[in-house]
Amino acid sequence: MRRLLALAVAAALCLPSIALARSPRQPTPFDKGRMRIGIQGGTTSSFDNTYFVLGGVFGYFIADGLELALGGSMWIGDDPSIAELSPQVRYVVYQVPVVKPYAGAFYEHIFLGEVGGLALDDVDSIGARGGLLFQIGRAGFLGAGVSYASRVNCNEDQLGDFCDARLLPEISFSLFF
């Protein structure tokens, strides 16, 4: 009985070292200290015009899976000219194999140009996004998702349906380093 007890105590003392001897977690593109650059594109309509939207983003992971980012975009194709600047936060569920779900929130400041010599008021939005990231190669990811943005200080008399909340599809390509 003493031998059995001594064996059980020895095994219990060895278990922590066996657990620590496991191989460490493999690094991911979403680890603390990693960075991301990305491009986005698409089309949208506003002011009775269709615009091609081209944008970019730079992100930094402040914790595993948690990214702070700054994005910007230009709406190209008609008047008024439109540009956006957007600080963002996003969490990527990096533990999931193959496809990586993400969710985030953002603020946008939208710079509006002139129409017929009339300067338009800038607009702010807050919103959320979610989607999936698909790995392409070693450091590339294709993203597909949706975003919802609600205007918070929009002059409906001046800007009409531009003030409406929007649900938009998003497609992106990002490189992580």
N, C-alpha and C. Protein backbone atom coordinates (compact mmCIF):
# COMPACT_ATOMS: atom_id res chain seq x y z
N MET A 1 0.82 -1.19 0.00
CA MET A 1 0.00 0.00 0.00
C MET A 1 0.87 1.26 0.00
N ARG A 2 1.97 1.22 0.78
CA ARG A 2 2.87 2.38 0.81
C ARG A 2 3.49 2.61 -0.57
N ARG A 3 3.85 1.49 -1.21
CA ARG A 3 4.44 1.63 -2.55
C ARG A 3 3.45 2.25 -3.53
N LEU A 4 2.21 1.86 -3.46
CA LEU A 4 1.18 2.40 -4.33
C LEU A 4 0.99 3.89 -4.07
N LEU A 5 0.98 4.29 -2.78
CA LEU A 5 0.85 5.69 -2.41
C LEU A 5 2.05 6.49 -2.90
N ALA A 6 3.25 5.95 -2.74
CA ALA A 6 4.47 6.63 -3.19
C ALA A 6 4.46 6.79 -4.71
N LEU A 7 4.00 5.75 -5.39
CA LEU A 7 3.90 5.82 -6.85
C LEU A 7 2.89 6.88 -7.30
N ALA A 8 1.76 6.98 -6.62
CA ALA A 8 0.73 7.98 -6.94
C ALA A 8 1.26 9.39 -6.69
N VAL A 9 1.99 9.60 -5.59
CA VAL A 9 2.57 10.92 -5.29
C VAL A 9 3.60 11.28 -6.35
N ALA A 10 4.45 10.34 -6.72
CA ALA A 10 5.47 10.60 -7.75
C ALA A 10 4.81 10.95 -9.08
N ALA A 11 3.76 10.24 -9.44
CA ALA A 11 3.05 10.54 -10.69
C ALA A 11 2.42 11.92 -10.64
N ALA A 12 1.82 12.26 -9.51
CA ALA A 12 1.20 13.58 -9.37
C ALA A 12 2.23 14.69 -9.48
N LEU A 13 3.43 14.46 -8.94
CA LEU A 13 4.48 15.47 -9.03
C LEU A 13 5.03 15.60 -10.46
N CYS A 14 4.96 14.51 -11.22
CA CYS A 14 5.48 14.54 -12.60
C CYS A 14 4.48 15.11 -13.61
N LEU A 15 3.19 15.09 -13.30
CA LEU A 15 2.18 15.55 -14.26
C LEU A 15 2.41 16.98 -14.74
N PRO A 16 2.73 17.95 -13.83
CA PRO A 16 2.97 19.31 -14.35
C PRO A 16 4.11 19.37 -15.35
N SER A 17 5.20 18.60 -15.10
CA SER A 17 6.31 18.64 -16.05
C SER A 17 5.94 18.01 -17.37
N ILE A 18 5.09 16.98 -17.35
CA ILE A 18 4.64 16.36 -18.60
C ILE A 18 3.78 17.35 -19.38
N ALA A 19 2.91 18.08 -18.70
CA ALA A 19 2.06 19.08 -19.36
C ALA A 19 2.90 20.20 -19.95
N LEU A 20 3.95 20.62 -19.21
CA LEU A 20 4.81 21.70 -19.71
C LEU A 20 5.69 21.23 -20.86
N ALA A 21 5.93 19.93 -20.97
CA ALA A 21 6.79 19.41 -22.02
C ALA A 21 6.10 19.39 -23.38
N ARG A 22 4.80 19.63 -23.42
CA ARG A 22 4.09 19.69 -24.71
C ARG A 22 4.71 20.75 -25.59
N SER A 23 4.58 20.55 -26.87
CA SER A 23 5.13 21.55 -27.78
C SER A 23 4.32 22.85 -27.67
N PRO A 24 4.99 24.00 -27.79
CA PRO A 24 4.28 25.28 -27.67
C PRO A 24 3.32 25.49 -28.85
N ARG A 25 2.36 26.36 -28.66
CA ARG A 25 1.38 26.70 -29.69
C ARG A 25 2.11 27.28 -30.90
N GLN A 26 1.67 26.88 -32.08
CA GLN A 26 2.25 27.40 -33.31
C GLN A 26 1.90 28.88 -33.45
N PRO A 27 2.83 29.72 -33.92
CA PRO A 27 2.50 31.13 -34.13
C PRO A 27 1.45 31.29 -35.23
N THR A 28 0.65 32.35 -35.13
CA THR A 28 -0.37 32.64 -36.13
C THR A 28 -0.19 34.07 -36.63
N PRO A 29 -0.79 34.43 -37.75
CA PRO A 29 -0.74 35.82 -38.22
C PRO A 29 -1.47 36.79 -37.28
N PHE A 30 -2.23 36.26 -36.31
CA PHE A 30 -3.07 37.09 -35.45
C PHE A 30 -2.48 37.24 -34.04
N ASP A 31 -1.21 36.89 -33.86
CA ASP A 31 -0.57 36.97 -32.55
C ASP A 31 -0.25 38.43 -32.19
N LYS A 32 -0.17 38.69 -30.90
CA LYS A 32 0.19 40.01 -30.39
C LYS A 32 1.49 40.47 -31.06
N GLY A 33 1.50 41.74 -31.51
CA GLY A 33 2.67 42.31 -32.15
C GLY A 33 2.70 42.16 -33.67
N ARG A 34 1.83 41.35 -34.25
CA ARG A 34 1.78 41.19 -35.70
C ARG A 34 1.04 42.38 -36.31
N MET A 35 1.27 42.61 -37.60
CA MET A 35 0.65 43.72 -38.31
C MET A 35 -0.04 43.23 -39.57
N ARG A 36 -0.94 44.07 -40.08
CA ARG A 36 -1.69 43.73 -41.28
C ARG A 36 -1.81 44.96 -42.16
N ILE A 37 -1.67 44.76 -43.47
CA ILE A 37 -2.05 45.78 -44.45
C ILE A 37 -3.07 45.13 -45.37
N GLY A 38 -4.05 45.90 -45.77
CA GLY A 38 -5.09 45.33 -46.60
C GLY A 38 -5.65 46.33 -47.58
N ILE A 39 -6.30 45.79 -48.62
CA ILE A 39 -6.99 46.62 -49.59
C ILE A 39 -8.44 46.15 -49.67
N GLN A 40 -9.30 47.09 -49.99
CA GLN A 40 -10.73 46.81 -50.12
C GLN A 40 -11.24 47.51 -51.36
N GLY A 41 -12.28 46.97 -51.94
CA GLY A 41 -12.88 47.59 -53.11
C GLY A 41 -14.31 47.17 -53.28
N GLY A 42 -15.04 47.94 -54.04
CA GLY A 42 -16.43 47.61 -54.31
C GLY A 42 -17.13 48.78 -54.96
N THR A 43 -18.44 48.68 -55.06
CA THR A 43 -19.24 49.77 -55.61
C THR A 43 -20.37 50.10 -54.64
N THR A 44 -20.83 51.32 -54.72
CA THR A 44 -21.97 51.76 -53.93
C THR A 44 -22.66 52.89 -54.67
N SER A 45 -23.88 53.17 -54.29
CA SER A 45 -24.63 54.27 -54.91
C SER A 45 -25.04 55.27 -53.85
N SER A 46 -24.99 56.54 -54.23
CA SER A 46 -25.46 57.62 -53.37
C SER A 46 -25.58 58.88 -54.22
N PHE A 47 -26.41 59.81 -53.79
CA PHE A 47 -26.63 61.06 -54.53
C PHE A 47 -27.01 60.78 -55.98
N ASP A 48 -27.76 59.72 -56.24
CA ASP A 48 -28.15 59.30 -57.58
C ASP A 48 -26.96 59.01 -58.48
N ASN A 49 -25.83 58.64 -57.89
CA ASN A 49 -24.61 58.30 -58.62
C ASN A 49 -24.11 56.94 -58.17
N THR A 50 -23.33 56.28 -59.03
CA THR A 50 -22.66 55.04 -58.66
C THR A 50 -21.17 55.34 -58.51
N TYR A 51 -20.59 54.87 -57.41
CA TYR A 51 -19.19 55.10 -57.12
C TYR A 51 -18.45 53.77 -57.05
N PHE A 52 -17.18 53.79 -57.46
CA PHE A 52 -16.27 52.69 -57.20
C PHE A 52 -15.51 53.08 -55.94
N VAL A 53 -15.48 52.20 -54.96
CA VAL A 53 -14.83 52.50 -53.68
C VAL A 53 -13.53 51.71 -53.59
N LEU A 54 -12.43 52.42 -53.33
CA LEU A 54 -11.12 51.80 -53.17
C LEU A 54 -10.56 52.26 -51.84
N GLY A 55 -10.11 51.29 -51.02
CA GLY A 55 -9.61 51.64 -49.70
C GLY A 55 -8.48 50.76 -49.24
N GLY A 56 -7.91 51.17 -48.11
CA GLY A 56 -6.82 50.41 -47.51
C GLY A 56 -6.92 50.48 -46.00
N VAL A 57 -6.17 49.59 -45.33
CA VAL A 57 -6.19 49.54 -43.87
C VAL A 57 -4.83 49.08 -43.37
N PHE A 58 -4.43 49.61 -42.22
CA PHE A 58 -3.24 49.14 -41.51
C PHE A 58 -3.69 48.75 -40.10
N GLY A 59 -3.33 47.54 -39.68
CA GLY A 59 -3.73 47.07 -38.36
C GLY A 59 -2.56 46.55 -37.55
N TYR A 60 -2.72 46.59 -36.23
CA TYR A 60 -1.71 46.10 -35.30
C TYR A 60 -2.42 45.28 -34.22
N PHE A 61 -1.94 44.08 -33.96
CA PHE A 61 -2.55 43.21 -32.97
C PHE A 61 -2.00 43.54 -31.58
N ILE A 62 -2.87 44.08 -30.72
CA ILE A 62 -2.46 44.47 -29.37
C ILE A 62 -2.53 43.29 -28.40
N ALA A 63 -3.21 42.24 -28.79
CA ALA A 63 -3.30 40.97 -28.05
C ALA A 63 -3.59 39.89 -29.09
N ASP A 64 -3.40 38.63 -28.73
CA ASP A 64 -3.69 37.56 -29.68
C ASP A 64 -5.13 37.66 -30.17
N GLY A 65 -5.31 37.86 -31.48
CA GLY A 65 -6.63 37.95 -32.09
C GLY A 65 -7.28 39.32 -32.06
N LEU A 66 -6.77 40.26 -31.24
CA LEU A 66 -7.40 41.58 -31.08
C LEU A 66 -6.58 42.65 -31.80
N GLU A 67 -7.22 43.28 -32.79
CA GLU A 67 -6.53 44.23 -33.66
C GLU A 67 -7.12 45.63 -33.55
N LEU A 68 -6.23 46.63 -33.49
CA LEU A 68 -6.60 48.03 -33.67
C LEU A 68 -6.12 48.41 -35.06
N ALA A 69 -6.96 49.13 -35.81
CA ALA A 69 -6.62 49.44 -37.20
C ALA A 69 -7.08 50.85 -37.57
N LEU A 70 -6.48 51.36 -38.63
CA LEU A 70 -6.89 52.64 -39.21
C LEU A 70 -7.06 52.40 -40.71
N GLY A 71 -8.27 52.70 -41.20
CA GLY A 71 -8.56 52.51 -42.61
C GLY A 71 -8.98 53.80 -43.27
N GLY A 72 -8.93 53.81 -44.58
CA GLY A 72 -9.37 54.96 -45.34
C GLY A 72 -9.84 54.51 -46.71
N SER A 73 -10.71 55.31 -47.33
CA SER A 73 -11.18 54.97 -48.66
C SER A 73 -11.56 56.22 -49.44
N MET A 74 -11.57 56.06 -50.74
CA MET A 74 -12.00 57.11 -51.67
C MET A 74 -13.14 56.55 -52.51
N TRP A 75 -14.18 57.37 -52.69
CA TRP A 75 -15.28 57.01 -53.59
C TRP A 75 -14.99 57.71 -54.91
N ILE A 76 -14.79 56.93 -55.94
CA ILE A 76 -14.33 57.46 -57.23
C ILE A 76 -15.46 57.35 -58.25
N GLY A 77 -15.64 58.41 -59.06
CA GLY A 77 -16.57 58.28 -60.17
C GLY A 77 -17.52 59.42 -60.40
N ASP A 78 -17.82 60.24 -59.41
CA ASP A 78 -18.79 61.30 -59.64
C ASP A 78 -18.67 62.36 -58.54
N ASP A 79 -19.55 63.36 -58.59
CA ASP A 79 -19.61 64.41 -57.56
C ASP A 79 -20.78 64.13 -56.64
N PRO A 80 -20.71 64.40 -55.38
CA PRO A 80 -19.56 65.03 -54.73
C PRO A 80 -18.43 64.02 -54.50
N SER A 81 -17.21 64.55 -54.33
CA SER A 81 -16.11 63.67 -53.96
C SER A 81 -16.35 63.21 -52.52
N ILE A 82 -15.99 61.96 -52.24
CA ILE A 82 -16.22 61.40 -50.91
C ILE A 82 -14.96 60.64 -50.49
N ALA A 83 -14.52 60.88 -49.24
CA ALA A 83 -13.39 60.15 -48.66
C ALA A 83 -13.76 59.80 -47.22
N GLU A 84 -13.23 58.68 -46.74
CA GLU A 84 -13.53 58.23 -45.38
C GLU A 84 -12.23 57.93 -44.63
N LEU A 85 -12.22 58.23 -43.34
CA LEU A 85 -11.14 57.85 -42.44
C LEU A 85 -11.78 57.10 -41.28
N SER A 86 -11.23 55.91 -40.94
CA SER A 86 -11.96 55.04 -40.03
C SER A 86 -11.05 54.29 -39.05
N PRO A 87 -11.02 54.70 -37.76
CA PRO A 87 -10.39 53.85 -36.74
C PRO A 87 -11.30 52.65 -36.46
N GLN A 88 -10.68 51.49 -36.20
CA GLN A 88 -11.44 50.25 -36.09
C GLN A 88 -10.85 49.35 -35.00
N VAL A 89 -11.68 48.46 -34.49
CA VAL A 89 -11.24 47.38 -33.61
C VAL A 89 -11.88 46.10 -34.13
N ARG A 90 -11.12 45.00 -34.08
CA ARG A 90 -11.62 43.74 -34.63
C ARG A 90 -11.03 42.58 -33.84
N TYR A 91 -11.84 41.55 -33.64
CA TYR A 91 -11.34 40.32 -33.03
C TYR A 91 -11.48 39.19 -34.05
N VAL A 92 -10.37 38.47 -34.26
CA VAL A 92 -10.35 37.32 -35.16
C VAL A 92 -10.30 36.06 -34.30
N VAL A 93 -11.22 35.15 -34.53
CA VAL A 93 -11.23 33.88 -33.81
C VAL A 93 -10.19 32.97 -34.49
N TYR A 94 -8.92 33.18 -34.13
CA TYR A 94 -7.81 32.52 -34.80
C TYR A 94 -7.67 31.04 -34.42
N GLN A 95 -8.32 30.62 -33.35
CA GLN A 95 -8.22 29.24 -32.89
C GLN A 95 -8.98 28.26 -33.79
N VAL A 96 -9.90 28.78 -34.58
CA VAL A 96 -10.70 27.93 -35.47
C VAL A 96 -9.84 27.53 -36.67
N PRO A 97 -9.78 26.24 -36.99
CA PRO A 97 -8.97 25.84 -38.14
C PRO A 97 -9.61 26.26 -39.47
N VAL A 98 -8.79 26.45 -40.46
CA VAL A 98 -9.15 26.74 -41.86
C VAL A 98 -9.79 28.11 -42.04
N VAL A 99 -11.06 28.31 -41.70
CA VAL A 99 -11.76 29.59 -41.89
C VAL A 99 -11.80 30.33 -40.55
N LYS A 100 -11.40 31.61 -40.56
CA LYS A 100 -11.31 32.39 -39.33
C LYS A 100 -12.44 33.42 -39.27
N PRO A 101 -13.42 33.25 -38.37
CA PRO A 101 -14.48 34.26 -38.21
C PRO A 101 -13.91 35.53 -37.55
N TYR A 102 -14.50 36.67 -37.87
CA TYR A 102 -14.11 37.92 -37.22
C TYR A 102 -15.34 38.78 -36.96
N ALA A 103 -15.19 39.67 -35.98
CA ALA A 103 -16.22 40.66 -35.67
C ALA A 103 -15.52 41.91 -35.18
N GLY A 104 -16.13 43.07 -35.46
CA GLY A 104 -15.49 44.30 -35.05
C GLY A 104 -16.45 45.47 -35.03
N ALA A 105 -15.90 46.62 -34.64
CA ALA A 105 -16.65 47.87 -34.60
C ALA A 105 -15.78 48.97 -35.20
N PHE A 106 -16.43 50.03 -35.67
CA PHE A 106 -15.67 51.12 -36.28
C PHE A 106 -16.40 52.45 -36.13
N TYR A 107 -15.64 53.51 -36.32
CA TYR A 107 -16.13 54.87 -36.43
C TYR A 107 -15.63 55.36 -37.78
N GLU A 108 -16.43 56.15 -38.48
CA GLU A 108 -16.01 56.72 -39.76
C GLU A 108 -16.25 58.23 -39.73
N HIS A 109 -15.26 58.97 -40.23
CA HIS A 109 -15.50 60.38 -40.53
C HIS A 109 -15.50 60.46 -42.05
N ILE A 110 -16.60 60.97 -42.60
CA ILE A 110 -16.79 61.02 -44.05
C ILE A 110 -16.66 62.47 -44.51
N PHE A 111 -15.66 62.70 -45.35
CA PHE A 111 -15.40 64.02 -45.91
C PHE A 111 -16.16 64.14 -47.22
N LEU A 112 -17.05 65.11 -47.31
CA LEU A 112 -17.84 65.32 -48.52
C LEU A 112 -17.37 66.58 -49.24
N GLY A 113 -17.30 66.50 -50.56
CA GLY A 113 -16.89 67.64 -51.37
C GLY A 113 -18.07 68.57 -51.67
N GLU A 114 -18.01 69.21 -52.82
CA GLU A 114 -19.04 70.17 -53.23
C GLU A 114 -19.89 69.60 -54.35
N VAL A 115 -21.11 70.10 -54.42
CA VAL A 115 -22.00 69.81 -55.55
C VAL A 115 -22.51 71.15 -56.04
N GLY A 116 -22.21 71.47 -57.30
CA GLY A 116 -22.66 72.73 -57.90
C GLY A 116 -22.24 73.96 -57.10
N GLY A 117 -21.02 73.92 -56.54
CA GLY A 117 -20.52 75.05 -55.77
C GLY A 117 -20.99 75.09 -54.32
N LEU A 118 -21.87 74.18 -53.93
CA LEU A 118 -22.38 74.12 -52.56
C LEU A 118 -21.55 73.11 -51.75
N ALA A 119 -20.89 73.60 -50.68
CA ALA A 119 -20.10 72.72 -49.82
C ALA A 119 -21.04 71.89 -48.95
N LEU A 120 -20.79 70.60 -48.92
CA LEU A 120 -21.61 69.69 -48.12
C LEU A 120 -20.97 69.47 -46.75
N ASP A 121 -21.81 69.27 -45.73
CA ASP A 121 -21.32 69.01 -44.38
C ASP A 121 -20.73 67.61 -44.29
N ASP A 122 -19.59 67.47 -43.58
CA ASP A 122 -19.03 66.15 -43.31
C ASP A 122 -19.99 65.37 -42.42
N VAL A 123 -19.85 64.06 -42.43
CA VAL A 123 -20.76 63.16 -41.70
C VAL A 123 -19.94 62.16 -40.90
N ASP A 124 -20.45 61.74 -39.75
CA ASP A 124 -19.84 60.69 -38.94
C ASP A 124 -20.77 59.49 -38.90
N SER A 125 -20.16 58.30 -38.79
CA SER A 125 -20.91 57.05 -38.68
C SER A 125 -20.27 56.17 -37.61
N ILE A 126 -21.08 55.31 -37.03
CA ILE A 126 -20.56 54.24 -36.19
C ILE A 126 -21.14 52.94 -36.75
N GLY A 127 -20.41 51.85 -36.56
CA GLY A 127 -20.91 50.62 -37.14
C GLY A 127 -20.23 49.38 -36.62
N ALA A 128 -20.65 48.27 -37.18
CA ALA A 128 -20.11 46.95 -36.83
C ALA A 128 -19.92 46.15 -38.10
N ARG A 129 -19.03 45.16 -38.02
CA ARG A 129 -18.79 44.29 -39.17
C ARG A 129 -18.50 42.88 -38.67
N GLY A 130 -18.71 41.94 -39.57
CA GLY A 130 -18.40 40.55 -39.27
C GLY A 130 -18.21 39.79 -40.55
N GLY A 131 -17.51 38.68 -40.46
CA GLY A 131 -17.28 37.89 -41.66
C GLY A 131 -16.33 36.75 -41.42
N LEU A 132 -15.73 36.29 -42.51
CA LEU A 132 -14.83 35.15 -42.49
C LEU A 132 -13.55 35.48 -43.24
N LEU A 133 -12.43 34.97 -42.76
CA LEU A 133 -11.14 35.10 -43.43
C LEU A 133 -10.71 33.72 -43.93
N PHE A 134 -10.29 33.67 -45.20
CA PHE A 134 -9.83 32.44 -45.83
C PHE A 134 -8.35 32.61 -46.15
N GLN A 135 -7.51 31.71 -45.64
CA GLN A 135 -6.08 31.84 -45.87
C GLN A 135 -5.71 31.51 -47.30
N ILE A 136 -4.83 32.36 -47.86
CA ILE A 136 -4.30 32.18 -49.22
C ILE A 136 -2.78 32.26 -49.09
N GLY A 137 -2.11 31.17 -49.26
CA GLY A 137 -0.67 31.16 -49.09
C GLY A 137 -0.28 31.26 -47.62
N ARG A 138 0.95 31.70 -47.37
CA ARG A 138 1.48 31.72 -46.01
C ARG A 138 0.99 32.91 -45.19
N ALA A 139 0.87 34.08 -45.80
CA ALA A 139 0.55 35.28 -45.04
C ALA A 139 -0.63 36.07 -45.61
N GLY A 140 -1.31 35.53 -46.61
CA GLY A 140 -2.42 36.25 -47.23
C GLY A 140 -3.76 35.70 -46.81
N PHE A 141 -4.74 36.60 -46.70
CA PHE A 141 -6.10 36.20 -46.35
C PHE A 141 -7.09 36.97 -47.21
N LEU A 142 -8.08 36.25 -47.71
CA LEU A 142 -9.21 36.85 -48.42
C LEU A 142 -10.35 36.94 -47.41
N GLY A 143 -10.95 38.12 -47.30
CA GLY A 143 -12.05 38.32 -46.36
C GLY A 143 -13.36 38.55 -47.08
N ALA A 144 -14.43 37.99 -46.53
CA ALA A 144 -15.78 38.20 -47.06
C ALA A 144 -16.70 38.40 -45.86
N GLY A 145 -17.45 39.50 -45.88
CA GLY A 145 -18.32 39.77 -44.75
C GLY A 145 -19.33 40.86 -45.06
N VAL A 146 -19.90 41.41 -44.00
CA VAL A 146 -20.85 42.52 -44.12
C VAL A 146 -20.53 43.57 -43.06
N SER A 147 -20.91 44.80 -43.36
CA SER A 147 -20.80 45.87 -42.37
C SER A 147 -22.13 46.62 -42.30
N TYR A 148 -22.41 47.13 -41.12
CA TYR A 148 -23.60 47.95 -40.90
C TYR A 148 -23.12 49.28 -40.34
N ALA A 149 -23.49 50.38 -40.98
CA ALA A 149 -23.09 51.71 -40.53
C ALA A 149 -24.32 52.60 -40.36
N SER A 150 -24.34 53.32 -39.26
CA SER A 150 -25.43 54.25 -38.97
C SER A 150 -24.85 55.66 -38.87
N ARG A 151 -25.41 56.58 -39.62
CA ARG A 151 -24.96 57.98 -39.59
C ARG A 151 -25.40 58.61 -38.27
N VAL A 152 -24.52 59.41 -37.66
CA VAL A 152 -24.87 59.99 -36.35
C VAL A 152 -25.08 61.50 -36.39
N ASN A 153 -24.62 62.19 -37.39
CA ASN A 153 -24.81 63.65 -37.45
C ASN A 153 -25.06 64.10 -38.88
N CYS A 154 -26.06 63.56 -39.48
CA CYS A 154 -26.31 63.77 -40.90
C CYS A 154 -27.45 64.76 -41.10
N ASN A 155 -27.24 65.74 -41.96
CA ASN A 155 -28.24 66.74 -42.30
C ASN A 155 -29.11 66.20 -43.44
N GLU A 156 -30.25 65.59 -43.09
CA GLU A 156 -31.11 64.96 -44.10
C GLU A 156 -31.64 65.95 -45.13
N ASP A 157 -31.86 67.20 -44.73
CA ASP A 157 -32.33 68.21 -45.68
C ASP A 157 -31.30 68.43 -46.79
N GLN A 158 -30.02 68.37 -46.44
CA GLN A 158 -28.95 68.61 -47.40
C GLN A 158 -28.52 67.33 -48.12
N LEU A 159 -28.51 66.19 -47.41
CA LEU A 159 -27.89 64.98 -47.94
C LEU A 159 -28.87 63.86 -48.30
N GLY A 160 -30.14 64.00 -47.96
CA GLY A 160 -31.15 63.01 -48.36
C GLY A 160 -30.84 61.60 -47.91
N ASP A 161 -30.92 60.63 -48.87
CA ASP A 161 -30.76 59.22 -48.51
C ASP A 161 -29.34 58.83 -48.13
N PHE A 162 -28.37 59.74 -48.31
CA PHE A 162 -27.01 59.47 -47.84
C PHE A 162 -27.01 59.28 -46.32
N CYS A 163 -28.02 59.84 -45.64
CA CYS A 163 -28.13 59.74 -44.18
C CYS A 163 -28.68 58.40 -43.71
N ASP A 164 -29.20 57.59 -44.62
CA ASP A 164 -29.77 56.29 -44.23
C ASP A 164 -28.68 55.35 -43.72
N ALA A 165 -29.04 54.51 -42.76
CA ALA A 165 -28.14 53.45 -42.31
C ALA A 165 -27.91 52.49 -43.48
N ARG A 166 -26.74 51.84 -43.50
CA ARG A 166 -26.41 50.98 -44.63
C ARG A 166 -25.88 49.63 -44.17
N LEU A 167 -26.32 48.60 -44.85
CA LEU A 167 -25.81 47.25 -44.69
C LEU A 167 -25.12 46.92 -46.01
N LEU A 168 -23.79 46.70 -45.96
CA LEU A 168 -23.02 46.53 -47.18
C LEU A 168 -22.17 45.26 -47.15
N PRO A 169 -22.05 44.58 -48.28
CA PRO A 169 -21.11 43.46 -48.35
C PRO A 169 -19.69 44.01 -48.39
N GLU A 170 -18.74 43.22 -47.89
CA GLU A 170 -17.33 43.62 -47.90
C GLU A 170 -16.48 42.48 -48.43
N ILE A 171 -15.53 42.82 -49.27
CA ILE A 171 -14.52 41.87 -49.74
C ILE A 171 -13.17 42.54 -49.55
N SER A 172 -12.21 41.80 -49.01
CA SER A 172 -10.89 42.38 -48.74
C SER A 172 -9.80 41.36 -49.00
N PHE A 173 -8.59 41.86 -49.18
CA PHE A 173 -7.40 41.03 -49.25
C PHE A 173 -6.39 41.65 -48.31
N SER A 174 -5.80 40.83 -47.44
CA SER A 174 -4.85 41.33 -46.45
C SER A 174 -3.59 40.48 -46.43
N LEU A 175 -2.47 41.15 -46.16
CA LEU A 175 -1.19 40.50 -45.90
C LEU A 175 -0.82 40.75 -44.45
N PHE A 176 -0.39 39.71 -43.78
CA PHE A 176 0.01 39.81 -42.37
C PHE A 176 1.52 39.67 -42.28
N PHE A 177 2.13 40.47 -41.41
CA PHE A 177 3.58 40.38 -41.23
C PHE A 177 3.94 40.66 -39.80
